[in-house]
Every structure is written in C-alpha cells, then in structure tokens.
C-alpha cells in the first residue's frame, strides 16, 4: 500500500516555529523558499557580523578601562559574554552563505523524509516518527533557550528595581546583563536604552549560538531516518520465489545421482534484484554526499563551538557555584543550556555514527548466494562502500562524538578546580 502527501515540509508546525523566531537574524533564510522579507531584516542580517564584532571590541575596552575595579567573578562574567559575542559573530557569517542556502534547499526539497512517504509503509512510519522527535525537540529547545535568555536579562533588572525603587539603596551601582564601553561613550549613562539593547543582543546570541544548532540537529535526525530506512531495505530484501534442483554429478563431474535443492533468482528476478541493489547504492551515496556537504559547511562552526565549550563551561560553573543565589538564577539556565548543547551535539552525532556502523551487518542479510555473478559483484562493491563510518568532523580533524565530549568535560572540571583556587 502506498501513501501520498502533497503538503510541503515547511507546513509542519515546528518549521513554522523556527521561521517565526529565526528569520530576522538570518538563521532561517525564508526568502530562498519564496517568502518576502523586509529591507530592515536584510540590512540587519548583512550587518550582524560587524555589529556583533563591534560589541565584542567594546567589551574588551570595558575590561581594559575597569580592570582594577572588577572582582574575580565580574571578570569571569565579562569573559563569558565576550566569548559568547565572539561565537555569535563567527556563526553569523554562516547564514548569508550561498552554500548554506543550497544545503537548506536540498534538506527541505530532497532529503526530508516526507518526500519518501509514497514508497511504502515503513517510509511513512519512519517519517512520522522522525517528525514527532523533531517537533518535541524543537519545542523543548526554543523554550529552554528563551528562558535562559530571559533569566540572564531579568536578574540584573530585578536587582535594579529592588535596590533603586523598593529598598532605595544608597550608592547603588546599576547592573546590566552586558557591559561594553567605547572612547567617549559610556552606555551606562543611558540605562533604559542600554537595557533594551542588551535584550536585543541576547536574542541575536541565542539564535546564532543555539538556533543554528537546532537546525543542524533536525537535519541529523532526518539523516538518521534515512539510515534506518536503508538498513530496513537491506534486511528485508526479497528472496527467490522458486527453488532450483542441481545434480551433484553435473557439478562435481562424478557419476552421482544425488541432487540438492537451492533457492536461486531466475533471469527476470535478477533484473529486479539489479534494480533494487542500484536503488540501495544510490540511497547510500545520497546519504554520504549530503553528510559530507553538512560536514564541510558546519565543520568550522563546530570547531569554534568546541573551543568555546573548552573555556566557557568552566567559567559558567564558577559563576554558578561562587556567585550565590542570584548568580545561580542568572547563570544556571545558561549553564544547563551550554552543557546541554555540548552533550546533545556529541550524542546525536554519535547516534549517526553508530547507526551507520550497522550498515555492513545489514548488508550481510542480502541473499547474495541466490544472485547471478553480476549481482554478486554489485553486492560486494556495496558491502565494501558501507564499511566506512559516516561522521561529522570539526575542521576535518576532531570527530564530533562522545569521546570528544568526554575530553572537553574532563578539561572543564580541571579548569574549574584551578579557577576556584585562584578565586580563593
């Protein structure tokens, strides 16, 4: 029984949510799908890398001007926000690239499992399963991302309101979520504008740092779905309809009347087998090619993200553990989000690698002994091609997976212990 769906993947609810929150910074370039965007959005996207870089410069200028006044934890806060700003600036280079647009077009128009639902029941079931995973994961990611962004900006606002309007604390210094300064310009002189502007900067950071990863993970879920389908097709390959009787005397060149019965494909079936093998090989080639494109585009981004985790995770732990209750509310959600990003990234890519490692075992299920010599050679070539593990690498060097995550976490806790001694 075949299933047909005319609806586009873009009509799915989780894609609509992504479009709503990610169009303005450019993480989701809706214009490549025929949608219209305003001139203001186009200008914002084009200037975002330079704009964010200017904010990072302002942060370092603030550190230089106030180094003697900053406490150890305040300096840690400045370094964390500077690193996040740098990561935002680097990642904001990706969305305007033509390669990114082509990748998303291929993902939506070709690789999404919705386009394969007319091929059979299992294709339809796998599409529904992956869509449910993507939907729940998108909702969870967006909620935790914006909650972390909200808390990071709300705690300074709450402290300012309670100390200025309620308790009227004397000589109280106003707090900001982000600190930056330029020669002749001190944003603290414009409290309201600076506070609103900091929320806007935090939003850009959230979309570039976590929104792009959400899109990447949704693509990986679809690739894993394709791998499951390929494995299913290999493990449920057709068998011959009829059995063939061979006389041992004809085979062994001896006068023997004994015979053996074996299942063999006839000429017509071998033609069908040839087509099915070619289909499996093409599907595997498509998965490999798309994954290579994904690795080439996101490899540098993943390397920068891992570098940020290597430094930023230990500082976030320090802020949470040493800064008190207010710091826990402010940095706690962000810390969970950053560590969750590291763990999710590593585990999801490890899942992709582990599933592709099972492809050779699935290929062994092929009834190669029932095929003719031509099809056996084709099956042998396919088995050889499937020996290689599909994985993404950061800059083509470090494999993105659990082993890399473990190394970063060990280094993070070592740095954290060292920073605690410095703070004491």
Foldseek 3Di string as FASTA:
>chain_A
DFDADPDFPCPDPLVVVLCVQQCQLQLPVCVLVPDDDDPNSVVNLVCVLVVLVVQLVQLVVVCVVCVVPDALLSVLLSVLVSLLSNLLSVLSVQRVDPLNSVLVCCLRVPLQLNVVRRVDDLSVVLNVVLSVVLNVVSVVLVVLLVLLLCLLLVLLVVVCCCCCPPVNPPPDDRDGSHAGADVVGGCSVVPVVRSVVVSVVSSSSSCSVRVSVSVVLSSLSSLLSLLVVLLVCLLPPDFAPDKDKAAVCVVVVHPDRDIDIGTAHDPVVLVVLVVSLVVSLVSVVVSQVSLVSVQVSCQQSVVSLLVCLLPSLLSLVLQCVPVPDSSCSNSVSVNCSSLVSLVVFAASQVSQQVSLCCNLVSLVSHPLVRHDPVSVVSSVVSSVVSNDTRFHHRVPPHTRHDVSSVVSVVSSVVVNVVSVVVSD
